[in-house]
């Protein structure tokens, strides 16, 4: 089954995030043409990650934080980001000035 044009743009943007960099849900939404569609990006990630091999772990919230709750994916996402060299501060935030991908 095909995906909508917006969904395809979200998928393409997520696939383009380089190793060791992150993007925000809102940033991906803006790249796909609707800066107010951050929740739709979450939906696309949830329903298409396995089908399209999306690097889901490279997408975080606008504060540079992992949105997944602890014991429900948080630890896995953080470990994957750490393996790529993405650092966290003492408040568990990612330095957006350093790691945010700006295509």
C-alpha atoms as a PDB file:
ATOM      1  CA  UNK A   1       0.000   0.000   0.000  1.00  0.00           C
ATOM      2  CA  UNK A   2       1.266   3.493  -0.861  1.00  0.00           C
ATOM      3  CA  UNK A   3       1.724   6.375   1.517  1.00  0.00           C
ATOM      4  CA  UNK A   4       0.498   9.954   1.278  1.00  0.00           C
ATOM      5  CA  UNK A   5       2.811  12.591  -0.208  1.00  0.00           C
ATOM      6  CA  UNK A   6       3.292  14.145   3.247  1.00  0.00           C
ATOM      7  CA  UNK A   7       4.177  10.774   4.771  1.00  0.00           C
ATOM      8  CA  UNK A   8       6.676  10.116   1.978  1.00  0.00           C
ATOM      9  CA  UNK A   9       8.326  13.498   2.596  1.00  0.00           C
ATOM     10  CA  UNK A  10       8.580  12.684   6.314  1.00  0.00           C
ATOM     11  CA  UNK A  11      10.105   9.284   5.534  1.00  0.00           C
ATOM     12  CA  UNK A  12      12.607  10.849   3.132  1.00  0.00           C
ATOM     13  CA  UNK A  13      13.593  13.516   5.666  1.00  0.00           C
ATOM     14  CA  UNK A  14      14.119  10.972   8.446  1.00  0.00           C
ATOM     15  CA  UNK A  15      16.179   8.746   6.161  1.00  0.00           C
ATOM     16  CA  UNK A  16      18.389  11.749   5.355  1.00  0.00           C
ATOM     17  CA  UNK A  17      19.376  12.467   8.983  1.00  0.00           C
ATOM     18  CA  UNK A  18      23.116  11.750   9.087  1.00  0.00           C
ATOM     19  CA  UNK A  19      24.783   9.373  11.518  1.00  0.00           C
ATOM     20  CA  UNK A  20      25.644  11.233  14.724  1.00  0.00           C
ATOM     21  CA  UNK A  21      23.076  13.981  14.189  1.00  0.00           C
ATOM     22  CA  UNK A  22      19.496  14.448  15.358  1.00  0.00           C
ATOM     23  CA  UNK A  23      16.368  16.225  14.154  1.00  0.00           C
ATOM     24  CA  UNK A  24      13.252  17.322  15.995  1.00  0.00           C
ATOM     25  CA  UNK A  25       9.730  16.171  15.278  1.00  0.00           C
ATOM     26  CA  UNK A  26       8.780  19.735  14.365  1.00  0.00           C
ATOM     27  CA  UNK A  27      11.852  20.145  12.187  1.00  0.00           C
ATOM     28  CA  UNK A  28      10.963  17.035  10.212  1.00  0.00           C
ATOM     29  CA  UNK A  29       7.368  18.274   9.905  1.00  0.00           C
ATOM     30  CA  UNK A  30       8.631  21.597   8.520  1.00  0.00           C
ATOM     31  CA  UNK A  31      10.868  19.805   6.008  1.00  0.00           C
ATOM     32  CA  UNK A  32       7.829  17.829   4.888  1.00  0.00           C
ATOM     33  CA  UNK A  33       5.832  21.011   4.348  1.00  0.00           C
ATOM     34  CA  UNK A  34       3.768  21.465   7.518  1.00  0.00           C
ATOM     35  CA  UNK A  35       5.669  22.926  10.461  1.00  0.00           C
ATOM     36  CA  UNK A  36       2.682  22.284  12.750  1.00  0.00           C
ATOM     37  CA  UNK A  37       2.523  18.537  12.083  1.00  0.00           C
ATOM     38  CA  UNK A  38       4.981  17.244  14.701  1.00  0.00           C
ATOM     39  CA  UNK A  39       2.401  14.737  15.969  1.00  0.00           C
ATOM     40  CA  UNK A  40       1.996  13.395  12.452  1.00  0.00           C
ATOM     41  CA  UNK A  41       5.754  12.777  12.373  1.00  0.00           C
ATOM     42  CA  UNK A  42       5.345  10.677  15.521  1.00  0.00           C
ATOM     43  CA  UNK A  43       2.595   8.697  13.772  1.00  0.00           C
ATOM     44  CA  UNK A  44       4.766   8.177  10.685  1.00  0.00           C
ATOM     45  CA  UNK A  45       7.629   6.950  12.863  1.00  0.00           C
ATOM     46  CA  UNK A  46       5.339   4.609  14.763  1.00  0.00           C
ATOM     47  CA  UNK A  47       3.775   3.048  11.671  1.00  0.00           C
ATOM     48  CA  UNK A  48       6.660   3.088   9.176  1.00  0.00           C
ATOM     49  CA  UNK A  49       9.938   2.581  11.051  1.00  0.00           C
ATOM     50  CA  UNK A  50      10.267  -1.141  10.417  1.00  0.00           C
ATOM     51  CA  UNK A  51       8.847  -1.099   6.886  1.00  0.00           C
ATOM     52  CA  UNK A  52      11.213   1.646   5.726  1.00  0.00           C
ATOM     53  CA  UNK A  53      14.167   1.052   8.072  1.00  0.00           C
ATOM     54  CA  UNK A  54      13.900   4.526   9.578  1.00  0.00           C
ATOM     55  CA  UNK A  55      16.598   5.701  11.990  1.00  0.00           C
ATOM     56  CA  UNK A  56      13.879   6.500  14.526  1.00  0.00           C
ATOM     57  CA  UNK A  57      16.363   7.092  17.301  1.00  0.00           C
ATOM     58  CA  UNK A  58      17.639  10.270  15.598  1.00  0.00           C
ATOM     59  CA  UNK A  59      14.362  12.154  16.151  1.00  0.00           C
ATOM     60  CA  UNK A  60      13.845  13.923  19.483  1.00  0.00           C
ATOM     61  CA  UNK A  61      11.652  16.696  20.869  1.00  0.00           C
ATOM     62  CA  UNK A  62      12.284  20.423  20.441  1.00  0.00           C
ATOM     63  CA  UNK A  63      14.101  20.604  23.787  1.00  0.00           C
ATOM     64  CA  UNK A  64      16.665  18.020  22.677  1.00  0.00           C
ATOM     65  CA  UNK A  65      15.147  15.353  24.881  1.00  0.00           C
ATOM     66  CA  UNK A  66      14.043  11.811  24.217  1.00  0.00           C
ATOM     67  CA  UNK A  67      10.254  11.686  24.323  1.00  0.00           C
ATOM     68  CA  UNK A  68       9.858   7.994  25.013  1.00  0.00           C
ATOM     69  CA  UNK A  69       9.256   7.082  28.660  1.00  0.00           C
ATOM     70  CA  UNK A  70      11.850   5.211  30.666  1.00  0.00           C
ATOM     71  CA  UNK A  71      11.464   1.436  30.413  1.00  0.00           C
ATOM     72  CA  UNK A  72       9.510   1.952  27.144  1.00  0.00           C
ATOM     73  CA  UNK A  73      12.226   2.721  24.603  1.00  0.00           C
ATOM     74  CA  UNK A  74      14.027   5.611  26.291  1.00  0.00           C
ATOM     75  CA  UNK A  75      17.099   3.582  27.211  1.00  0.00           C
ATOM     76  CA  UNK A  76      17.365   1.985  23.755  1.00  0.00           C
ATOM     77  CA  UNK A  77      17.109   5.343  22.002  1.00  0.00           C
ATOM     78  CA  UNK A  78      19.695   6.934  24.283  1.00  0.00           C
ATOM     79  CA  UNK A  79      22.107   4.028  23.823  1.00  0.00           C
ATOM     80  CA  UNK A  80      21.773   4.179  20.018  1.00  0.00           C
ATOM     81  CA  UNK A  81      22.460   7.918  20.067  1.00  0.00           C
ATOM     82  CA  UNK A  82      25.444   7.503  22.384  1.00  0.00           C
ATOM     83  CA  UNK A  83      26.850   4.837  20.041  1.00  0.00           C
ATOM     84  CA  UNK A  84      26.693   7.420  17.250  1.00  0.00           C
ATOM     85  CA  UNK A  85      28.568   9.973  19.358  1.00  0.00           C
ATOM     86  CA  UNK A  86      25.588  12.128  20.303  1.00  0.00           C
ATOM     87  CA  UNK A  87      26.177  13.508  23.779  1.00  0.00           C
ATOM     88  CA  UNK A  88      23.804  14.347  26.609  1.00  0.00           C
ATOM     89  CA  UNK A  89      24.245  16.969  29.307  1.00  0.00           C
ATOM     90  CA  UNK A  90      23.691  16.470  33.049  1.00  0.00           C
ATOM     91  CA  UNK A  91      19.950  17.111  32.522  1.00  0.00           C
ATOM     92  CA  UNK A  92      19.743  14.420  29.822  1.00  0.00           C
ATOM     93  CA  UNK A  93      19.402  16.899  26.973  1.00  0.00           C
ATOM     94  CA  UNK A  94      21.196  16.893  23.657  1.00  0.00           C
ATOM     95  CA  UNK A  95      23.031  20.084  22.698  1.00  0.00           C
ATOM     96  CA  UNK A  96      20.973  21.212  19.705  1.00  0.00           C
ATOM     97  CA  UNK A  97      23.628  23.736  18.644  1.00  0.00           C
ATOM     98  CA  UNK A  98      26.094  20.888  18.265  1.00  0.00           C
ATOM     99  CA  UNK A  99      24.034  17.891  17.114  1.00  0.00           C
ATOM    100  CA  UNK A 100      20.950  19.274  15.368  1.00  0.00           C
ATOM    101  CA  UNK A 101      20.934  18.434  11.656  1.00  0.00           C
ATOM    102  CA  UNK A 102      20.272  21.444   9.479  1.00  0.00           C
ATOM    103  CA  UNK A 103      20.007  20.344   5.856  1.00  0.00           C
END
